[in-house]
C-alpha atoms as a PDB file:
ATOM      1  CA  MET A   1       0.000   0.000   0.000  1.00  0.00           C
ATOM      2  CA  SER A   2       1.181   3.527  -0.720  1.00  0.00           C
ATOM      3  CA  LEU A   3       0.337   6.625   1.311  1.00  0.00           C
ATOM      4  CA  ALA A   4      -0.630   9.719  -0.628  1.00  0.00           C
ATOM      5  CA  MET A   5      -2.243  13.112  -0.078  1.00  0.00           C
ATOM      6  CA  HIS A   6      -4.633  14.910  -2.388  1.00  0.00           C
ATOM      7  CA  ARG A   7      -5.358  18.636  -2.610  1.00  0.00           C
ATOM      8  CA  GLY A   8      -8.033  18.471   0.075  1.00  0.00           C
ATOM      9  CA  GLY A   9      -5.421  17.567   2.643  1.00  0.00           C
ATOM     10  CA  GLN A  10      -6.850  14.162   3.566  1.00  0.00           C
ATOM     11  CA  TRP A  11      -4.588  11.156   3.865  1.00  0.00           C
ATOM     12  CA  HIS A  12      -5.648   8.056   1.986  1.00  0.00           C
ATOM     13  CA  THR A  13      -4.102   4.790   0.842  1.00  0.00           C
ATOM     14  CA  THR A  14      -3.918   3.289  -2.572  1.00  0.00           C
ATOM     15  CA  SER A  15      -2.589   0.022  -3.904  1.00  0.00           C
ATOM     16  CA  SER A  16      -1.279   1.785  -7.012  1.00  0.00           C
ATOM     17  CA  ASN A  17       2.426   1.457  -7.583  1.00  0.00           C
ATOM     18  CA  ARG A  18       4.869   4.359  -7.609  1.00  0.00           C
ATOM     19  CA  ALA A  19       4.798   4.685 -11.378  1.00  0.00           C
ATOM     20  CA  ARG A  20       1.066   5.232 -11.348  1.00  0.00           C
ATOM     21  CA  LEU A  21       1.340   7.739  -8.522  1.00  0.00           C
ATOM     22  CA  GLY A  22       3.889   9.641 -10.573  1.00  0.00           C
ATOM     23  CA  SER A  23       1.516   9.881 -13.531  1.00  0.00           C
ATOM     24  CA  CYS A  24      -1.337  11.452 -11.558  1.00  0.00           C
ATOM     25  CA  ARG A  25      -2.223  14.972 -12.545  1.00  0.00           C
ATOM     26  CA  GLN A  26      -2.649  16.308  -9.002  1.00  0.00           C
ATOM     27  CA  PRO A  27       0.180  16.920  -6.524  1.00  0.00           C
ATOM     28  CA  LEU A  28       0.263  14.015  -4.102  1.00  0.00           C
ATOM     29  CA  ILE A  29       2.163  15.605  -1.240  1.00  0.00           C
ATOM     30  CA  ARG A  30       0.662  19.096  -1.253  1.00  0.00           C
ATOM     31  CA  VAL A  31      -0.913  20.239   1.995  1.00  0.00           C
ATOM     32  CA  THR A  32      -3.447  22.928   2.696  1.00  0.00           C
ATOM     33  CA  PRO A  33      -3.217  25.384   5.635  1.00  0.00           C
ATOM     34  CA  THR A  34      -6.075  23.584   7.402  1.00  0.00           C
ATOM     35  CA  SER A  35      -4.240  20.274   7.302  1.00  0.00           C
ATOM     36  CA  PHE A  36      -0.662  21.434   7.786  1.00  0.00           C
ATOM     37  CA  SER A  37      -0.759  21.069  11.561  1.00  0.00           C
ATOM     38  CA  ASP A  38      -1.785  17.454  11.155  1.00  0.00           C
ATOM     39  CA  VAL A  39       1.055  16.830   8.726  1.00  0.00           C
ATOM     40  CA  SER A  40       3.538  18.592  10.999  1.00  0.00           C
ATOM     41  CA  SER A  41       2.429  16.387  13.870  1.00  0.00           C
ATOM     42  CA  LEU A  42       2.898  13.310  11.731  1.00  0.00           C
ATOM     43  CA  ALA A  43       6.365  14.498  10.694  1.00  0.00           C
ATOM     44  CA  ARG A  44       7.366  15.151  14.297  1.00  0.00           C
ATOM     45  CA  THR A  45       6.463  11.582  15.223  1.00  0.00           C
ATOM     46  CA  GLY A  46       7.958  10.111  12.040  1.00  0.00           C
ATOM     47  CA  VAL A  47      11.103  10.846  10.068  1.00  0.00           C
ATOM     48  CA  CYS A  48      11.778  14.201  11.728  1.00  0.00           C
ATOM     49  CA  ALA A  49      11.848  12.470  15.106  1.00  0.00           C
ATOM     50  CA  HIS A  50      15.153  10.918  14.091  1.00  0.00           C
ATOM     51  CA  ALA A  51      16.647  14.373  13.512  1.00  0.00           C
ATOM     52  CA  ALA A  52      15.286  15.556  16.864  1.00  0.00           C
ATOM     53  CA  ALA A  53      16.733  12.511  18.610  1.00  0.00           C
ATOM     54  CA  ALA A  54      20.102  13.043  16.941  1.00  0.00           C
ATOM     55  CA  ALA A  55      20.113  16.716  17.962  1.00  0.00           C
ATOM     56  CA  ALA A  56      19.245  15.804  21.542  1.00  0.00           C
ATOM     57  CA  ALA A  57      22.010  13.206  21.642  1.00  0.00           C
ATOM     58  CA  LEU A  58      24.518  15.773  20.398  1.00  0.00           C
ATOM     59  CA  ALA A  59      23.439  18.495  22.823  1.00  0.00           C
ATOM     60  CA  GLY A  60      26.339  19.603  24.946  1.00  0.00           C
ATOM     61  CA  ILE A  61      28.842  17.515  22.969  1.00  0.00           C
ATOM     62  CA  ASP A  62      31.726  19.185  21.228  1.00  0.00           C
ATOM     63  CA  PRO A  63      31.055  19.012  17.442  1.00  0.00           C
ATOM     64  CA  GLN A  64      34.563  17.684  16.806  1.00  0.00           C
ATOM     65  CA  ALA A  65      33.985  14.814  19.223  1.00  0.00           C
ATOM     66  CA  ALA A  66      30.528  14.173  17.825  1.00  0.00           C
ATOM     67  CA  ARG A  67      31.859  13.904  14.274  1.00  0.00           C
ATOM     68  CA  ALA A  68      33.872  10.829  15.228  1.00  0.00           C
ATOM     69  CA  LYS A  69      30.640   9.091  16.242  1.00  0.00           C
ATOM     70  CA  LEU A  70      28.879   9.471  12.891  1.00  0.00           C
ATOM     71  CA  GLN A  71      28.648   6.251  10.896  1.00  0.00           C
ATOM     72  CA  LEU A  72      27.072   5.885   7.460  1.00  0.00           C
ATOM     73  CA  TYR A  73      26.280   2.769   5.474  1.00  0.00           C
ATOM     74  CA  ASN A  74      28.710   2.202   2.586  1.00  0.00           C
ATOM     75  CA  THR A  75      26.821   0.515  -0.247  1.00  0.00           C
ATOM     76  CA  MET A  76      30.041  -0.662  -1.890  1.00  0.00           C
ATOM     77  CA  THR A  77      31.396  -2.483   1.175  1.00  0.00           C
ATOM     78  CA  ARG A  78      27.953  -3.333   2.624  1.00  0.00           C
ATOM     79  CA  THR A  79      29.065  -2.129   6.060  1.00  0.00           C
ATOM     80  CA  LYS A  80      28.636   0.883   8.323  1.00  0.00           C
ATOM     81  CA  GLU A  81      31.745   3.030   8.379  1.00  0.00           C
ATOM     82  CA  THR A  82      32.863   6.097  10.305  1.00  0.00           C
ATOM     83  CA  PHE A  83      32.259   9.182   8.206  1.00  0.00           C
ATOM     84  CA  THR A  84      35.409  11.068   7.263  1.00  0.00           C
ATOM     85  CA  THR A  85      36.050  14.110   5.083  1.00  0.00           C
ATOM     86  CA  ARG A  86      38.918  14.777   2.678  1.00  0.00           C
ATOM     87  CA  PRO A  87      42.124  15.535   4.610  1.00  0.00           C
ATOM     88  CA  GLU A  88      42.662  18.767   2.660  1.00  0.00           C
ATOM     89  CA  THR A  89      39.163  20.076   3.575  1.00  0.00           C
ATOM     90  CA  PRO A  90      38.355  18.578   6.995  1.00  0.00           C
ATOM     91  CA  ASP A  91      35.467  20.960   7.740  1.00  0.00           C
ATOM     92  CA  ARG A  92      33.780  20.824   4.329  1.00  0.00           C
ATOM     93  CA  VAL A  93      31.283  18.285   2.988  1.00  0.00           C
ATOM     94  CA  GLN A  94      29.989  18.125  -0.573  1.00  0.00           C
ATOM     95  CA  MET A  95      26.706  16.237  -0.889  1.00  0.00           C
ATOM     96  CA  TYR A  96      25.137  15.465  -4.265  1.00  0.00           C
ATOM     97  CA  VAL A  97      21.607  14.058  -4.410  1.00  0.00           C
ATOM     98  CA  CYS A  98      20.033  13.027  -7.712  1.00  0.00           C
ATOM     99  CA  GLY A  99      17.055  15.268  -8.435  1.00  0.00           C
ATOM    100  CA  VAL A 100      13.780  14.770 -10.289  1.00  0.00           C
ATOM    101  CA  THR A 101      12.903  14.702 -13.969  1.00  0.00           C
ATOM    102  CA  VAL A 102      10.267  17.417 -14.081  1.00  0.00           C
ATOM    103  CA  TYR A 103       7.509  16.155 -16.369  1.00  0.00           C
ATOM    104  CA  ASP A 104       4.836  15.701 -13.667  1.00  0.00           C
ATOM    105  CA  TYR A 105       3.958  16.377 -10.031  1.00  0.00           C
ATOM    106  CA  SER A 106       5.929  14.801  -7.206  1.00  0.00           C
ATOM    107  CA  HIS A 107       4.827  11.524  -5.662  1.00  0.00           C
ATOM    108  CA  ILE A 108       5.235  10.074  -2.188  1.00  0.00           C
ATOM    109  CA  GLY A 109       8.498   8.371  -3.143  1.00  0.00           C
ATOM    110  CA  HIS A 110      10.062  11.772  -3.765  1.00  0.00           C
ATOM    111  CA  ALA A 111       8.868  12.877  -0.335  1.00  0.00           C
ATOM    112  CA  ARG A 112      10.615   9.957   1.344  1.00  0.00           C
ATOM    113  CA  VAL A 113      13.914  10.421  -0.495  1.00  0.00           C
ATOM    114  CA  TYR A 114      14.297  14.166  -0.025  1.00  0.00           C
ATOM    115  CA  THR A 115      13.100  14.161   3.577  1.00  0.00           C
ATOM    116  CA  ALA A 116      15.715  11.517   4.383  1.00  0.00           C
ATOM    117  CA  PHE A 117      18.508  13.570   2.802  1.00  0.00           C
ATOM    118  CA  ASP A 118      17.199  16.709   4.494  1.00  0.00           C
ATOM    119  CA  VAL A 119      17.726  14.988   7.852  1.00  0.00           C
ATOM    120  CA  LEU A 120      21.315  14.136   6.854  1.00  0.00           C
ATOM    121  CA  TYR A 121      21.905  17.693   5.610  1.00  0.00           C
ATOM    122  CA  ARG A 122      20.694  19.167   8.893  1.00  0.00           C
ATOM    123  CA  LEU A 123      22.766  16.734  10.944  1.00  0.00           C
ATOM    124  CA  LEU A 124      25.977  17.479   9.042  1.00  0.00           C
ATOM    125  CA  ALA A 125      25.496  21.253   9.029  1.00  0.00           C
ATOM    126  CA  ALA A 126      23.684  22.160  12.245  1.00  0.00           C
ATOM    127  CA  GLY A 127      24.533  19.142  14.363  1.00  0.00           C
ATOM    128  CA  LEU A 128      28.170  18.577  13.439  1.00  0.00           C
ATOM    129  CA  GLY A 129      29.160  22.050  12.239  1.00  0.00           C
ATOM    130  CA  TYR A 130      30.320  21.108   8.745  1.00  0.00           C
ATOM    131  CA  ASP A 131      30.297  23.601   5.883  1.00  0.00           C
ATOM    132  CA  VAL A 132      27.979  21.615   3.608  1.00  0.00           C
ATOM    133  CA  GLN A 133      27.541  22.182  -0.105  1.00  0.00           C
ATOM    134  CA  TYR A 134      24.302  20.353  -0.917  1.00  0.00           C
ATOM    135  CA  VAL A 135      23.622  20.002  -4.652  1.00  0.00           C
ATOM    136  CA  ARG A 136      20.374  18.598  -6.083  1.00  0.00           C
ATOM    137  CA  ASN A 137      19.817  18.802  -9.824  1.00  0.00           C
ATOM    138  CA  PHE A 138      16.786  19.082 -12.088  1.00  0.00           C
ATOM    139  CA  THR A 139      16.605  17.058 -15.299  1.00  0.00           C
ATOM    140  CA  ASP A 140      14.634  19.550 -17.384  1.00  0.00           C
ATOM    141  CA  VAL A 141      15.192  18.008 -20.823  1.00  0.00           C
ATOM    142  CA  ASP A 142      14.005  14.452 -21.418  1.00  0.00           C
ATOM    143  CA  ASP A 143      11.842  12.397 -23.776  1.00  0.00           C
ATOM    144  CA  LYS A 144       9.030  12.354 -21.202  1.00  0.00           C
ATOM    145  CA  ILE A 145       9.110  16.146 -20.869  1.00  0.00           C
ATOM    146  CA  ILE A 146       9.030  16.599 -24.639  1.00  0.00           C
ATOM    147  CA  ALA A 147       6.153  14.128 -25.050  1.00  0.00           C
ATOM    148  CA  ARG A 148       4.124  15.660 -22.205  1.00  0.00           C
ATOM    149  CA  ALA A 149       4.656  19.156 -23.590  1.00  0.00           C
ATOM    150  CA  ALA A 150       3.570  18.048 -27.066  1.00  0.00           C
ATOM    151  CA  ASP A 151       0.388  16.527 -25.625  1.00  0.00           C
ATOM    152  CA  ALA A 152      -0.352  19.732 -23.714  1.00  0.00           C
ATOM    153  CA  GLY A 153       0.617  22.091 -26.543  1.00  0.00           C
ATOM    154  CA  GLU A 154       3.190  23.694 -24.241  1.00  0.00           C
ATOM    155  CA  ASP A 155       6.834  24.642 -24.648  1.00  0.00           C
ATOM    156  CA  PRO A 156       8.970  21.891 -23.047  1.00  0.00           C
ATOM    157  CA  LEU A 157      11.064  24.328 -21.005  1.00  0.00           C
ATOM    158  CA  ALA A 158       7.918  26.103 -19.810  1.00  0.00           C
ATOM    159  CA  LEU A 159       6.406  22.796 -18.719  1.00  0.00           C
ATOM    160  CA  ALA A 160       9.625  21.860 -16.914  1.00  0.00           C
ATOM    161  CA  GLY A 161       9.737  25.233 -15.193  1.00  0.00           C
ATOM    162  CA  ARG A 162       6.135  24.837 -14.043  1.00  0.00           C
ATOM    163  CA  PHE A 163       6.847  21.475 -12.440  1.00  0.00           C
ATOM    164  CA  ILE A 164      10.041  22.788 -10.843  1.00  0.00           C
ATOM    165  CA  ALA A 165       7.899  25.414  -9.122  1.00  0.00           C
ATOM    166  CA  GLU A 166       5.443  22.715  -8.022  1.00  0.00           C
ATOM    167  CA  PHE A 167       8.318  20.612  -6.677  1.00  0.00           C
ATOM    168  CA  HIS A 168       9.600  23.546  -4.627  1.00  0.00           C
ATOM    169  CA  GLU A 169       6.132  24.016  -3.159  1.00  0.00           C
ATOM    170  CA  ASP A 170       6.037  20.363  -2.128  1.00  0.00           C
ATOM    171  CA  MET A 171       9.480  20.542  -0.524  1.00  0.00           C
ATOM    172  CA  ARG A 172       8.443  23.643   1.429  1.00  0.00           C
ATOM    173  CA  ALA A 173       5.294  21.855   2.592  1.00  0.00           C
ATOM    174  CA  LEU A 174       7.436  18.994   3.858  1.00  0.00           C
ATOM    175  CA  GLY A 175       9.726  21.408   5.697  1.00  0.00           C
ATOM    176  CA  CYS A 176      12.818  20.461   3.688  1.00  0.00           C
ATOM    177  CA  LEU A 177      15.621  23.008   3.547  1.00  0.00           C
ATOM    178  CA  PRO A 178      16.624  24.235   0.080  1.00  0.00           C
ATOM    179  CA  PRO A 179      19.930  22.876  -1.245  1.00  0.00           C
ATOM    180  CA  THR A 180      22.945  25.095  -1.766  1.00  0.00           C
ATOM    181  CA  LEU A 181      22.693  24.685  -5.544  1.00  0.00           C
ATOM    182  CA  GLU A 182      19.981  23.366  -7.874  1.00  0.00           C
ATOM    183  CA  PRO A 183      21.540  23.128 -11.350  1.00  0.00           C
ATOM    184  CA  ARG A 184      19.284  22.497 -14.338  1.00  0.00           C
ATOM    185  CA  ALA A 185      20.488  20.134 -17.062  1.00  0.00           C
ATOM    186  CA  THR A 186      19.770  22.678 -19.805  1.00  0.00           C
ATOM    187  CA  ASP A 187      22.209  25.139 -18.224  1.00  0.00           C
ATOM    188  CA  PHE A 188      25.118  22.746 -18.721  1.00  0.00           C
ATOM    189  CA  ILE A 189      24.703  21.344 -22.240  1.00  0.00           C
ATOM    190  CA  PRO A 190      28.177  22.477 -23.453  1.00  0.00           C
ATOM    191  CA  GLU A 191      29.784  20.837 -20.409  1.00  0.00           C
ATOM    192  CA  MET A 192      27.845  17.624 -21.104  1.00  0.00           C
ATOM    193  CA  VAL A 193      29.020  17.572 -24.710  1.00  0.00           C
ATOM    194  CA  ALA A 194      32.634  18.079 -23.604  1.00  0.00           C
ATOM    195  CA  THR A 195      32.400  15.329 -20.982  1.00  0.00           C
ATOM    196  CA  ILE A 196      30.792  12.843 -23.385  1.00  0.00           C
ATOM    197  CA  SER A 197      33.449  13.647 -25.974  1.00  0.00           C
ATOM    198  CA  ARG A 198      36.139  12.727 -23.443  1.00  0.00           C
ATOM    199  CA  ILE A 199      34.339   9.482 -22.599  1.00  0.00           C
ATOM    200  CA  ILE A 200      34.241   8.577 -26.301  1.00  0.00           C
ATOM    201  CA  ALA A 201      37.938   9.448 -26.660  1.00  0.00           C
ATOM    202  CA  ASN A 202      38.740   7.170 -23.710  1.00  0.00           C
ATOM    203  CA  GLY A 203      36.994   4.253 -25.405  1.00  0.00           C
ATOM    204  CA  HIS A 204      34.055   3.986 -23.015  1.00  0.00           C
ATOM    205  CA  ALA A 205      31.309   5.318 -25.296  1.00  0.00           C
ATOM    206  CA  TYR A 206      30.376   5.288 -28.978  1.00  0.00           C
ATOM    207  CA  ALA A 207      28.127   7.198 -31.375  1.00  0.00           C
ATOM    208  CA  VAL A 208      25.576   5.368 -33.518  1.00  0.00           C
ATOM    209  CA  GLU A 209      23.528   6.139 -36.605  1.00  0.00           C
ATOM    210  CA  GLY A 210      21.085   8.921 -35.853  1.00  0.00           C
ATOM    211  CA  GLY A 211      23.410  10.819 -33.538  1.00  0.00           C
ATOM    212  CA  ASP A 212      22.784   9.017 -30.223  1.00  0.00           C
ATOM    213  CA  VAL A 213      25.731   8.155 -27.980  1.00  0.00           C
ATOM    214  CA  PHE A 214      25.823   5.059 -25.748  1.00  0.00           C
ATOM    215  CA  PHE A 215      28.018   4.161 -22.802  1.00  0.00           C
ATOM    216  CA  ASN A 216      29.887   0.905 -23.429  1.00  0.00           C
ATOM    217  CA  VAL A 217      29.275  -1.071 -20.245  1.00  0.00           C
ATOM    218  CA  GLY A 218      31.588  -3.865 -21.359  1.00  0.00           C
ATOM    219  CA  SER A 219      34.534  -1.456 -21.473  1.00  0.00           C
ATOM    220  CA  LEU A 220      34.442  -0.878 -17.713  1.00  0.00           C
ATOM    221  CA  PRO A 221      35.498  -3.880 -15.604  1.00  0.00           C
ATOM    222  CA  GLY A 222      33.637  -3.966 -12.322  1.00  0.00           C
ATOM    223  CA  TYR A 223      30.555  -2.182 -13.653  1.00  0.00           C
ATOM    224  CA  GLY A 224      27.661  -3.168 -11.397  1.00  0.00           C
ATOM    225  CA  ALA A 225      29.807  -3.612  -8.266  1.00  0.00           C
ATOM    226  CA  LEU A 226      27.895  -0.899  -6.403  1.00  0.00           C
ATOM    227  CA  SER A 227      24.540  -2.610  -6.975  1.00  0.00           C
ATOM    228  CA  GLY A 228      26.011  -6.047  -6.296  1.00  0.00           C
ATOM    229  CA  ARG A 229      24.724  -7.407  -9.594  1.00  0.00           C
ATOM    230  CA  VAL A 230      26.581  -9.003 -12.473  1.00  0.00           C
ATOM    231  CA  GLN A 231      25.601  -8.260 -16.059  1.00  0.00           C
ATOM    232  CA  GLU A 232      24.782 -11.890 -16.795  1.00  0.00           C
ATOM    233  CA  ASP A 233      21.930 -11.733 -14.259  1.00  0.00           C
ATOM    234  CA  ASN A 234      20.250  -8.755 -15.935  1.00  0.00           C
ATOM    235  CA  ARG A 235      17.555  -9.197 -18.566  1.00  0.00           C
ATOM    236  CA  ALA A 236      17.609  -6.956 -21.622  1.00  0.00           C
ATOM    237  CA  GLY A 237      14.775  -4.434 -21.851  1.00  0.00           C
ATOM    238  CA  GLU A 238      13.865  -4.253 -18.153  1.00  0.00           C
ATOM    239  CA  ARG A 239      15.797  -1.140 -17.151  1.00  0.00           C
ATOM    240  CA  VAL A 240      17.485  -0.168 -20.418  1.00  0.00           C
ATOM    241  CA  ALA A 241      15.591  -0.128 -23.710  1.00  0.00           C
ATOM    242  CA  VAL A 242      16.438  -2.721 -26.355  1.00  0.00           C
ATOM    243  CA  ASP A 243      18.147  -1.057 -29.340  1.00  0.00           C
ATOM    244  CA  ALA A 244      19.734  -2.914 -32.246  1.00  0.00           C
ATOM    245  CA  ARG A 245      22.332  -0.142 -32.614  1.00  0.00           C
ATOM    246  CA  LYS A 246      23.910  -0.967 -29.243  1.00  0.00           C
ATOM    247  CA  ARG A 247      27.010  -3.110 -28.904  1.00  0.00           C
ATOM    248  CA  GLY A 248      25.753  -4.656 -25.679  1.00  0.00           C
ATOM    249  CA  PRO A 249      22.215  -5.006 -24.244  1.00  0.00           C
ATOM    250  CA  ALA A 250      23.159  -3.160 -21.037  1.00  0.00           C
ATOM    251  CA  ASP A 251      24.659  -0.134 -22.812  1.00  0.00           C
ATOM    252  CA  PHE A 252      22.723   3.042 -22.014  1.00  0.00           C
ATOM    253  CA  ALA A 253      22.297   6.438 -23.648  1.00  0.00           C
ATOM    254  CA  LEU A 254      24.563   9.315 -22.684  1.00  0.00           C
ATOM    255  CA  TRP A 255      23.177  11.567 -25.397  1.00  0.00           C
ATOM    256  CA  LYS A 256      20.011  11.453 -27.481  1.00  0.00           C
ATOM    257  CA  ALA A 257      19.850  13.356 -30.751  1.00  0.00           C
ATOM    258  CA  SER A 258      16.765  15.426 -31.437  1.00  0.00           C
ATOM    259  CA  LYS A 259      14.024  13.720 -33.414  1.00  0.00           C
ATOM    260  CA  PRO A 260      12.105  15.273 -36.319  1.00  0.00           C
ATOM    261  CA  GLY A 261       9.763  17.932 -34.984  1.00  0.00           C
ATOM    262  CA  GLU A 262      11.576  18.389 -31.668  1.00  0.00           C
END
């Protein structure tokens, strides 16, 4: 079961999966002034309680001493490890969190992810005294954005901008702090082209007929180590689209050329 909220501010459950929640036309985590106190109460007894407990535990403790107690789960090693910063910048933390592709309203899965990272952000900055640079991007150019804009008769960038504004409203309703930086993909196209060109030059990507560029998964030994999966266990077409132009079924697009009419 998934928990969602409609515009009226009433909580309800639905057996729909996350993909269906993401396709709904109404914001699913928006709250109204009349219901905000209820949501705040729920937050205080839920995820935000962990931040409160952490703050209480750190009260009266020297931040330097408290830093040595912080442990985070390392997905690569599958163990909890003491958090350490780079030796050359001991008081600075750079935190990158993958942002949303803005073709629709946020769903409850987004709420969970960004609330969790908001707790970590607050702990690192306010609790442990680190200078934190928190970056969360927006993917504002994508096939889904282009298709949705075409259906609505709207400019793709205008549609993306509208859903960015909606996303910010949802994050404010959840009480999440804004990141330090929120780069948009369309602001860094030249940098993307330069980076992809270097990847091609290094033998890890290739261009195909039509102008698309794919990452060559087979060229990178150890690919999949973070997820703990081996390529032989993956089935073509489940996460990455089948394309006869690809050298390997797991290869994925780094760049998609514009199609006629785009």
